[in-house]
């Protein structure tokens, strides 16, 4: 199952607080419907029907059912770009 680094967890927390989302909100990762092999990341107030929920401490990631197999052996990490915005990346 997808794992998260401390940097990723901090970036997700920062995004959720900055958007004034409810406490059950999280980062949603889904297969991009119009681009084969591409994923899209978005904030969601709650899991969508059928999503797999990964929760570590107070951070939640919602995985679209189509993305679960691809992300099974990956780690979600994050760093900040020069403007301070989080940039997420997946590593094996």
PDB file of N, CA and C in Angstrom:
ATOM      1  N   UNK A   1       0.840  -1.182   0.000  1.00  0.00           N
ATOM      2  CA  UNK A   1       0.000   0.000   0.000  1.00  0.00           C
ATOM      3  C   UNK A   1       0.884   1.244   0.000  1.00  0.00           C
ATOM      4  N   UNK A   2       0.391   2.304  -0.540  1.00  0.00           N
ATOM      5  CA  UNK A   2       1.103   3.582  -0.593  1.00  0.00           C
ATOM      6  C   UNK A   2       1.528   4.007   0.809  1.00  0.00           C
ATOM      7  N   UNK A   3       2.767   4.465   0.945  1.00  0.00           N
ATOM      8  CA  UNK A   3       3.250   5.028   2.202  1.00  0.00           C
ATOM      9  C   UNK A   3       3.526   6.510   1.998  1.00  0.00           C
ATOM     10  N   UNK A   4       3.635   7.245   3.104  1.00  0.00           N
ATOM     11  CA  UNK A   4       3.877   8.684   3.047  1.00  0.00           C
ATOM     12  C   UNK A   4       5.083   9.052   3.893  1.00  0.00           C
ATOM     13  N   UNK A   5       5.893   9.962   3.392  1.00  0.00           N
ATOM     14  CA  UNK A   5       6.993  10.496   4.188  1.00  0.00           C
ATOM     15  C   UNK A   5       6.454  11.582   5.114  1.00  0.00           C
ATOM     16  N   UNK A   6       7.267  11.959   6.091  1.00  0.00           N
ATOM     17  CA  UNK A   6       6.881  13.059   6.974  1.00  0.00           C
ATOM     18  C   UNK A   6       6.711  14.353   6.187  1.00  0.00           C
ATOM     19  N   UNK A   7       7.546  14.563   5.156  1.00  0.00           N
ATOM     20  CA  UNK A   7       7.423  15.769   4.322  1.00  0.00           C
ATOM     21  C   UNK A   7       6.074  15.803   3.611  1.00  0.00           C
ATOM     22  N   UNK A   8       5.635  14.661   3.086  1.00  0.00           N
ATOM     23  CA  UNK A   8       4.337  14.596   2.400  1.00  0.00           C
ATOM     24  C   UNK A   8       3.211  14.884   3.375  1.00  0.00           C
ATOM     25  N   UNK A   9       3.300  14.303   4.562  1.00  0.00           N
ATOM     26  CA  UNK A   9       2.247  14.529   5.559  1.00  0.00           C
ATOM     27  C   UNK A   9       2.161  16.007   5.935  1.00  0.00           C
ATOM     28  N   UNK A  10       3.305  16.643   6.115  1.00  0.00           N
ATOM     29  CA  UNK A  10       3.309  18.071   6.443  1.00  0.00           C
ATOM     30  C   UNK A  10       2.738  18.918   5.325  1.00  0.00           C
ATOM     31  N   UNK A  11       3.069  18.576   4.090  1.00  0.00           N
ATOM     32  CA  UNK A  11       2.548  19.335   2.944  1.00  0.00           C
ATOM     33  C   UNK A  11       1.030  19.181   2.828  1.00  0.00           C
ATOM     34  N   UNK A  12       0.531  17.981   3.052  1.00  0.00           N
ATOM     35  CA  UNK A  12      -0.922  17.761   2.983  1.00  0.00           C
ATOM     36  C   UNK A  12      -1.615  18.542   4.088  1.00  0.00           C
ATOM     37  N   UNK A  13      -1.067  18.499   5.300  1.00  0.00           N
ATOM     38  CA  UNK A  13      -1.644  19.282   6.414  1.00  0.00           C
ATOM     39  C   UNK A  13      -1.701  20.765   6.053  1.00  0.00           C
ATOM     40  N   UNK A  14      -0.606  21.281   5.535  1.00  0.00           N
ATOM     41  CA  UNK A  14      -0.548  22.702   5.176  1.00  0.00           C
ATOM     42  C   UNK A  14      -1.588  23.066   4.128  1.00  0.00           C
ATOM     43  N   UNK A  15      -1.753  22.209   3.124  1.00  0.00           N
ATOM     44  CA  UNK A  15      -2.742  22.482   2.075  1.00  0.00           C
ATOM     45  C   UNK A  15      -4.156  22.503   2.625  1.00  0.00           C
ATOM     46  N   UNK A  16      -4.465  21.553   3.478  1.00  0.00           N
ATOM     47  CA  UNK A  16      -5.829  21.454   4.016  1.00  0.00           C
ATOM     48  C   UNK A  16      -6.141  22.652   4.901  1.00  0.00           C
ATOM     49  N   UNK A  17      -5.210  23.031   5.763  1.00  0.00           N
ATOM     50  CA  UNK A  17      -5.420  24.185   6.640  1.00  0.00           C
ATOM     51  C   UNK A  17      -5.581  25.450   5.803  1.00  0.00           C
ATOM     52  N   UNK A  18      -4.766  25.587   4.765  1.00  0.00           N
ATOM     53  CA  UNK A  18      -4.828  26.774   3.915  1.00  0.00           C
ATOM     54  C   UNK A  18      -6.131  26.910   3.153  1.00  0.00           C
ATOM     55  N   UNK A  19      -6.826  25.810   2.971  1.00  0.00           N
ATOM     56  CA  UNK A  19      -8.089  25.838   2.224  1.00  0.00           C
ATOM     57  C   UNK A  19      -9.309  25.789   3.137  1.00  0.00           C
ATOM     58  N   UNK A  20      -9.108  25.730   4.443  1.00  0.00           N
ATOM     59  CA  UNK A  20     -10.199  25.685   5.418  1.00  0.00           C
ATOM     60  C   UNK A  20     -11.154  24.528   5.148  1.00  0.00           C
ATOM     61  N   UNK A  21     -10.581  23.365   4.902  1.00  0.00           N
ATOM     62  CA  UNK A  21     -11.372  22.166   4.643  1.00  0.00           C
ATOM     63  C   UNK A  21     -11.708  21.473   5.955  1.00  0.00           C
ATOM     64  N   UNK A  22     -12.737  20.618   5.961  1.00  0.00           N
ATOM     65  CA  UNK A  22     -13.109  19.909   7.193  1.00  0.00           C
ATOM     66  C   UNK A  22     -12.010  18.942   7.642  1.00  0.00           C
ATOM     67  N   UNK A  23     -12.067  18.529   8.899  1.00  0.00           N
ATOM     68  CA  UNK A  23     -11.016  17.679   9.465  1.00  0.00           C
ATOM     69  C   UNK A  23     -10.869  16.337   8.758  1.00  0.00           C
ATOM     70  N   UNK A  24     -11.912  15.841   8.112  1.00  0.00           N
ATOM     71  CA  UNK A  24     -11.830  14.558   7.412  1.00  0.00           C
ATOM     72  C   UNK A  24     -11.315  14.693   5.974  1.00  0.00           C
ATOM     73  N   UNK A  25     -10.927  15.889   5.577  1.00  0.00           N
ATOM     74  CA  UNK A  25     -10.430  16.131   4.219  1.00  0.00           C
ATOM     75  C   UNK A  25      -9.081  15.458   4.007  1.00  0.00           C
ATOM     76  N   UNK A  26      -8.694  15.344   2.748  1.00  0.00           N
ATOM     77  CA  UNK A  26      -7.410  14.744   2.434  1.00  0.00           C
ATOM     78  C   UNK A  26      -7.003  15.015   0.998  1.00  0.00           C
ATOM     79  N   UNK A  27      -5.880  14.441   0.643  1.00  0.00           N
ATOM     80  CA  UNK A  27      -5.375  14.520  -0.726  1.00  0.00           C
ATOM     81  C   UNK A  27      -5.928  13.339  -1.494  1.00  0.00           C
ATOM     82  N   UNK A  28      -6.524  13.594  -2.647  1.00  0.00           N
ATOM     83  CA  UNK A  28      -7.075  12.520  -3.474  1.00  0.00           C
ATOM     84  C   UNK A  28      -6.176  12.313  -4.690  1.00  0.00           C
ATOM     85  N   UNK A  29      -5.842  11.053  -4.938  1.00  0.00           N
ATOM     86  CA  UNK A  29      -5.032  10.697  -6.095  1.00  0.00           C
ATOM     87  C   UNK A  29      -5.888   9.811  -6.986  1.00  0.00           C
ATOM     88  N   UNK A  30      -6.042  10.219  -8.228  1.00  0.00           N
ATOM     89  CA  UNK A  30      -6.907   9.491  -9.159  1.00  0.00           C
ATOM     90  C   UNK A  30      -6.228   9.348 -10.514  1.00  0.00           C
ATOM     91  N   UNK A  31      -6.650   8.351 -11.238  1.00  0.00           N
ATOM     92  CA  UNK A  31      -6.189   8.170 -12.609  1.00  0.00           C
ATOM     93  C   UNK A  31      -6.807   9.274 -13.449  1.00  0.00           C
ATOM     94  N   UNK A  32      -5.991   9.915 -14.247  1.00  0.00           N
ATOM     95  CA  UNK A  32      -6.478  10.978 -15.132  1.00  0.00           C
ATOM     96  C   UNK A  32      -7.189  10.313 -16.304  1.00  0.00           C
ATOM     97  N   UNK A  33      -8.465  10.569 -16.479  1.00  0.00           N
ATOM     98  CA  UNK A  33      -9.250   9.834 -17.467  1.00  0.00           C
ATOM     99  C   UNK A  33      -8.810  10.011 -18.919  1.00  0.00           C
ATOM    100  N   UNK A  34      -8.239  11.158 -19.242  1.00  0.00           N
ATOM    101  CA  UNK A  34      -7.904  11.423 -20.639  1.00  0.00           C
ATOM    102  C   UNK A  34      -6.423  11.237 -20.972  1.00  0.00           C
ATOM    103  N   UNK A  35      -5.624  10.778 -20.002  1.00  0.00           N
ATOM    104  CA  UNK A  35      -4.192  10.589 -20.242  1.00  0.00           C
ATOM    105  C   UNK A  35      -3.747   9.257 -19.648  1.00  0.00           C
ATOM    106  N   UNK A  36      -3.449   8.317 -20.501  1.00  0.00           N
ATOM    107  CA  UNK A  36      -3.047   6.997 -20.045  1.00  0.00           C
ATOM    108  C   UNK A  36      -1.780   7.081 -19.182  1.00  0.00           C
ATOM    109  N   UNK A  37      -1.844   6.460 -18.013  1.00  0.00           N
ATOM    110  CA  UNK A  37      -0.699   6.420 -17.113  1.00  0.00           C
ATOM    111  C   UNK A  37      -0.481   7.678 -16.293  1.00  0.00           C
ATOM    112  N   UNK A  38      -1.359   8.669 -16.414  1.00  0.00           N
ATOM    113  CA  UNK A  38      -1.204   9.919 -15.671  1.00  0.00           C
ATOM    114  C   UNK A  38      -2.115   9.927 -14.444  1.00  0.00           C
ATOM    115  N   UNK A  39      -1.645  10.584 -13.411  1.00  0.00           N
ATOM    116  CA  UNK A  39      -2.420  10.718 -12.181  1.00  0.00           C
ATOM    117  C   UNK A  39      -2.718  12.186 -11.936  1.00  0.00           C
ATOM    118  N   UNK A  40      -3.810  12.442 -11.235  1.00  0.00           N
ATOM    119  CA  UNK A  40      -4.103  13.806 -10.827  1.00  0.00           C
ATOM    120  C   UNK A  40      -4.264  13.854  -9.311  1.00  0.00           C
ATOM    121  N   UNK A  41      -3.751  14.920  -8.732  1.00  0.00           N
ATOM    122  CA  UNK A  41      -3.788  15.130  -7.297  1.00  0.00           C
ATOM    123  C   UNK A  41      -4.732  16.300  -7.033  1.00  0.00           C
ATOM    124  N   UNK A  42      -5.621  16.138  -6.056  1.00  0.00           N
ATOM    125  CA  UNK A  42      -6.531  17.216  -5.700  1.00  0.00           C
ATOM    126  C   UNK A  42      -6.899  17.098  -4.230  1.00  0.00           C
ATOM    127  N   UNK A  43      -7.385  18.169  -3.665  1.00  0.00           N
ATOM    128  CA  UNK A  43      -7.890  18.125  -2.303  1.00  0.00           C
ATOM    129  C   UNK A  43      -9.353  17.729  -2.351  1.00  0.00           C
ATOM    130  N   UNK A  44      -9.758  16.923  -1.387  1.00  0.00           N
ATOM    131  CA  UNK A  44     -11.159  16.483  -1.329  1.00  0.00           C
ATOM    132  C   UNK A  44     -11.650  16.602   0.107  1.00  0.00           C
ATOM    133  N   UNK A  45     -12.892  17.025   0.264  1.00  0.00           N
ATOM    134  CA  UNK A  45     -13.477  17.164   1.597  1.00  0.00           C
ATOM    135  C   UNK A  45     -13.649  15.822   2.286  1.00  0.00           C
ATOM    136  N   UNK A  46     -13.797  14.770   1.504  1.00  0.00           N
ATOM    137  CA  UNK A  46     -13.976  13.426   2.045  1.00  0.00           C
ATOM    138  C   UNK A  46     -13.689  12.428   0.929  1.00  0.00           C
ATOM    139  N   UNK A  47     -13.579  11.166   1.288  1.00  0.00           N
ATOM    140  CA  UNK A  47     -13.347  10.126   0.288  1.00  0.00           C
ATOM    141  C   UNK A  47     -14.563  10.001  -0.624  1.00  0.00           C
ATOM    142  N   UNK A  48     -14.317   9.683  -1.868  1.00  0.00           N
ATOM    143  CA  UNK A  48     -15.395   9.397  -2.808  1.00  0.00           C
ATOM    144  C   UNK A  48     -15.795   7.946  -2.627  1.00  0.00           C
ATOM    145  N   UNK A  49     -16.961   7.609  -3.079  1.00  0.00           N
ATOM    146  CA  UNK A  49     -17.434   6.230  -3.008  1.00  0.00           C
ATOM    147  C   UNK A  49     -16.445   5.309  -3.726  1.00  0.00           C
ATOM    148  N   UNK A  50     -15.999   4.268  -3.048  1.00  0.00           N
ATOM    149  CA  UNK A  50     -15.068   3.314  -3.635  1.00  0.00           C
ATOM    150  C   UNK A  50     -13.605   3.638  -3.404  1.00  0.00           C
ATOM    151  N   UNK A  51     -13.287   4.840  -2.929  1.00  0.00           N
ATOM    152  CA  UNK A  51     -11.899   5.205  -2.672  1.00  0.00           C
ATOM    153  C   UNK A  51     -11.310   4.352  -1.555  1.00  0.00           C
ATOM    154  N   UNK A  52     -10.032   4.078  -1.659  1.00  0.00           N
ATOM    155  CA  UNK A  52      -9.277   3.455  -0.578  1.00  0.00           C
ATOM    156  C   UNK A  52      -8.703   4.603   0.247  1.00  0.00           C
ATOM    157  N   UNK A  53      -8.833   4.507   1.550  1.00  0.00           N
ATOM    158  CA  UNK A  53      -8.376   5.578   2.430  1.00  0.00           C
ATOM    159  C   UNK A  53      -7.125   5.121   3.164  1.00  0.00           C
ATOM    160  N   UNK A  54      -6.082   5.935   3.060  1.00  0.00           N
ATOM    161  CA  UNK A  54      -4.849   5.703   3.805  1.00  0.00           C
ATOM    162  C   UNK A  54      -4.774   6.813   4.835  1.00  0.00           C
ATOM    163  N   UNK A  55      -4.641   6.414   6.084  1.00  0.00           N
ATOM    164  CA  UNK A  55      -4.600   7.405   7.150  1.00  0.00           C
ATOM    165  C   UNK A  55      -3.371   7.151   8.012  1.00  0.00           C
ATOM    166  N   UNK A  56      -2.615   8.206   8.221  1.00  0.00           N
ATOM    167  CA  UNK A  56      -1.446   8.140   9.089  1.00  0.00           C
ATOM    168  C   UNK A  56      -1.492   9.376   9.965  1.00  0.00           C
ATOM    169  N   UNK A  57      -1.558   9.151  11.266  1.00  0.00           N
ATOM    170  CA  UNK A  57      -1.763  10.222  12.227  1.00  0.00           C
ATOM    171  C   UNK A  57      -3.039  10.966  11.833  1.00  0.00           C
ATOM    172  N   UNK A  58      -2.961  12.244  11.540  1.00  0.00           N
ATOM    173  CA  UNK A  58      -4.162  13.016  11.193  1.00  0.00           C
ATOM    174  C   UNK A  58      -4.245  13.328   9.703  1.00  0.00           C
ATOM    175  N   UNK A  59      -3.483  12.629   8.879  1.00  0.00           N
ATOM    176  CA  UNK A  59      -3.429  12.906   7.442  1.00  0.00           C
ATOM    177  C   UNK A  59      -4.087  11.771   6.676  1.00  0.00           C
ATOM    178  N   UNK A  60      -4.921  12.143   5.701  1.00  0.00           N
ATOM    179  CA  UNK A  60      -5.609  11.152   4.882  1.00  0.00           C
ATOM    180  C   UNK A  60      -5.294  11.352   3.398  1.00  0.00           C
ATOM    181  N   UNK A  61      -5.122  10.212   2.740  1.00  0.00           N
ATOM    182  CA  UNK A  61      -4.975  10.193   1.293  1.00  0.00           C
ATOM    183  C   UNK A  61      -6.052   9.267   0.765  1.00  0.00           C
ATOM    184  N   UNK A  62      -6.786   9.740  -0.222  1.00  0.00           N
ATOM    185  CA  UNK A  62      -7.855   8.960  -0.844  1.00  0.00           C
ATOM    186  C   UNK A  62      -7.368   8.491  -2.206  1.00  0.00           C
ATOM    187  N   UNK A  63      -7.415   7.181  -2.420  1.00  0.00           N
ATOM    188  CA  UNK A  63      -6.954   6.615  -3.681  1.00  0.00           C
ATOM    189  C   UNK A  63      -8.132   6.143  -4.509  1.00  0.00           C
ATOM    190  N   UNK A  64      -8.242   6.703  -5.694  1.00  0.00           N
ATOM    191  CA  UNK A  64      -9.213   6.241  -6.676  1.00  0.00           C
ATOM    192  C   UNK A  64      -8.965   4.748  -6.890  1.00  0.00           C
ATOM    193  N   UNK A  65     -10.022   3.939  -7.010  1.00  0.00           N
ATOM    194  CA  UNK A  65      -9.824   2.497  -7.217  1.00  0.00           C
ATOM    195  C   UNK A  65      -8.899   2.169  -8.389  1.00  0.00           C
ATOM    196  N   UNK A  66      -8.916   2.979  -9.427  1.00  0.00           N
ATOM    197  CA  UNK A  66      -8.053   2.739 -10.584  1.00  0.00           C
ATOM    198  C   UNK A  66      -6.592   3.021 -10.328  1.00  0.00           C
ATOM    199  N   UNK A  67      -6.286   3.764  -9.265  1.00  0.00           N
ATOM    200  CA  UNK A  67      -4.902   4.121  -8.958  1.00  0.00           C
ATOM    201  C   UNK A  67      -4.266   3.188  -7.931  1.00  0.00           C
ATOM    202  N   UNK A  68      -5.066   2.387  -7.255  1.00  0.00           N
ATOM    203  CA  UNK A  68      -4.566   1.559  -6.151  1.00  0.00           C
ATOM    204  C   UNK A  68      -3.439   0.634  -6.590  1.00  0.00           C
ATOM    205  N   UNK A  69      -3.625  -0.116  -7.653  1.00  0.00           N
ATOM    206  CA  UNK A  69      -2.606  -1.079  -8.088  1.00  0.00           C
ATOM    207  C   UNK A  69      -1.307  -0.375  -8.475  1.00  0.00           C
ATOM    208  N   UNK A  70      -1.408   0.757  -9.138  1.00  0.00           N
ATOM    209  CA  UNK A  70      -0.215   1.498  -9.548  1.00  0.00           C
ATOM    210  C   UNK A  70       0.567   2.021  -8.341  1.00  0.00           C
ATOM    211  N   UNK A  71      -0.150   2.434  -7.307  1.00  0.00           N
ATOM    212  CA  UNK A  71       0.487   3.069  -6.151  1.00  0.00           C
ATOM    213  C   UNK A  71       0.852   2.085  -5.046  1.00  0.00           C
ATOM    214  N   UNK A  72       0.555   0.849  -5.240  1.00  0.00           N
ATOM    215  CA  UNK A  72       0.716  -0.186  -4.230  1.00  0.00           C
ATOM    216  C   UNK A  72       2.114  -0.226  -3.594  1.00  0.00           C
ATOM    217  N   UNK A  73       3.150  -0.055  -4.377  1.00  0.00           N
ATOM    218  CA  UNK A  73       4.517  -0.171  -3.869  1.00  0.00           C
ATOM    219  C   UNK A  73       5.259   1.168  -3.900  1.00  0.00           C
ATOM    220  N   UNK A  74       4.511   2.264  -3.843  1.00  0.00           N
ATOM    221  CA  UNK A  74       5.107   3.601  -3.957  1.00  0.00           C
ATOM    222  C   UNK A  74       5.106   4.328  -2.613  1.00  0.00           C
ATOM    223  N   UNK A  75       5.960   5.344  -2.544  1.00  0.00           N
ATOM    224  CA  UNK A  75       6.008   6.250  -1.405  1.00  0.00           C
ATOM    225  C   UNK A  75       5.712   7.652  -1.908  1.00  0.00           C
ATOM    226  N   UNK A  76       4.820   8.343  -1.227  1.00  0.00           N
ATOM    227  CA  UNK A  76       4.490   9.727  -1.553  1.00  0.00           C
ATOM    228  C   UNK A  76       5.413  10.635  -0.755  1.00  0.00           C
ATOM    229  N   UNK A  77       6.135  11.501  -1.454  1.00  0.00           N
ATOM    230  CA  UNK A  77       7.045  12.444  -0.821  1.00  0.00           C
ATOM    231  C   UNK A  77       6.680  13.842  -1.314  1.00  0.00           C
ATOM    232  N   UNK A  78       7.204  14.846  -0.656  1.00  0.00           N
ATOM    233  CA  UNK A  78       6.931  16.229  -1.058  1.00  0.00           C
ATOM    234  C   UNK A  78       8.130  17.103  -0.733  1.00  0.00           C
ATOM    235  N   UNK A  79       8.273  18.143  -1.513  1.00  0.00           N
ATOM    236  CA  UNK A  79       9.246  19.200  -1.243  1.00  0.00           C
ATOM    237  C   UNK A  79       8.584  20.496  -1.676  1.00  0.00           C
ATOM    238  N   UNK A  80       9.187  21.604  -1.354  1.00  0.00           N
ATOM    239  CA  UNK A  80       8.604  22.898  -1.726  1.00  0.00           C
ATOM    240  C   UNK A  80       9.378  23.500  -2.893  1.00  0.00           C
ATOM    241  N   UNK A  81       8.618  24.090  -3.815  1.00  0.00           N
ATOM    242  CA  UNK A  81       9.259  24.774  -4.936  1.00  0.00           C
ATOM    243  C   UNK A  81       9.764  26.135  -4.446  1.00  0.00           C
ATOM    244  N   UNK A  82      10.444  26.897  -5.301  1.00  0.00           N
ATOM    245  CA  UNK A  82      10.991  28.199  -4.869  1.00  0.00           C
ATOM    246  C   UNK A  82       9.943  29.174  -4.334  1.00  0.00           C
ATOM    247  N   UNK A  83       8.699  28.994  -4.717  1.00  0.00           N
ATOM    248  CA  UNK A  83       7.636  29.880  -4.226  1.00  0.00           C
ATOM    249  C   UNK A  83       6.988  29.356  -2.944  1.00  0.00           C
ATOM    250  N   UNK A  84       7.473  28.211  -2.454  1.00  0.00           N
ATOM    251  CA  UNK A  84       6.940  27.652  -1.211  1.00  0.00           C
ATOM    252  C   UNK A  84       5.766  26.724  -1.398  1.00  0.00           C
ATOM    253  N   UNK A  85       5.411  26.432  -2.633  1.00  0.00           N
ATOM    254  CA  UNK A  85       4.286  25.534  -2.899  1.00  0.00           C
ATOM    255  C   UNK A  85       4.772  24.084  -2.867  1.00  0.00           C
ATOM    256  N   UNK A  86       3.949  23.176  -2.342  1.00  0.00           N
ATOM    257  CA  UNK A  86       4.373  21.776  -2.290  1.00  0.00           C
ATOM    258  C   UNK A  86       4.372  21.125  -3.677  1.00  0.00           C
ATOM    259  N   UNK A  87       5.373  20.301  -3.892  1.00  0.00           N
ATOM    260  CA  UNK A  87       5.474  19.513  -5.106  1.00  0.00           C
ATOM    261  C   UNK A  87       5.546  18.059  -4.646  1.00  0.00           C
ATOM    262  N   UNK A  88       4.565  17.269  -5.046  1.00  0.00           N
ATOM    263  CA  UNK A  88       4.513  15.864  -4.652  1.00  0.00           C
ATOM    264  C   UNK A  88       5.204  14.999  -5.695  1.00  0.00           C
ATOM    265  N   UNK A  89       5.828  13.922  -5.198  1.00  0.00           N
ATOM    266  CA  UNK A  89       6.420  12.965  -6.130  1.00  0.00           C
ATOM    267  C   UNK A  89       6.246  11.570  -5.546  1.00  0.00           C
ATOM    268  N   UNK A  90       6.206  10.612  -6.439  1.00  0.00           N
ATOM    269  CA  UNK A  90       6.079   9.209  -6.059  1.00  0.00           C
ATOM    270  C   UNK A  90       7.403   8.509  -6.321  1.00  0.00           C
ATOM    271  N   UNK A  91       7.865   7.737  -5.351  1.00  0.00           N
ATOM    272  CA  UNK A  91       9.099   6.981  -5.525  1.00  0.00           C
ATOM    273  C   UNK A  91       8.808   5.509  -5.248  1.00  0.00           C
ATOM    274  N   UNK A  92       9.592   4.626  -5.853  1.00  0.00           N
ATOM    275  CA  UNK A  92       9.380   3.189  -5.606  1.00  0.00           C
ATOM    276  C   UNK A  92       9.769   2.804  -4.181  1.00  0.00           C
TER     277      UNK A  92
END
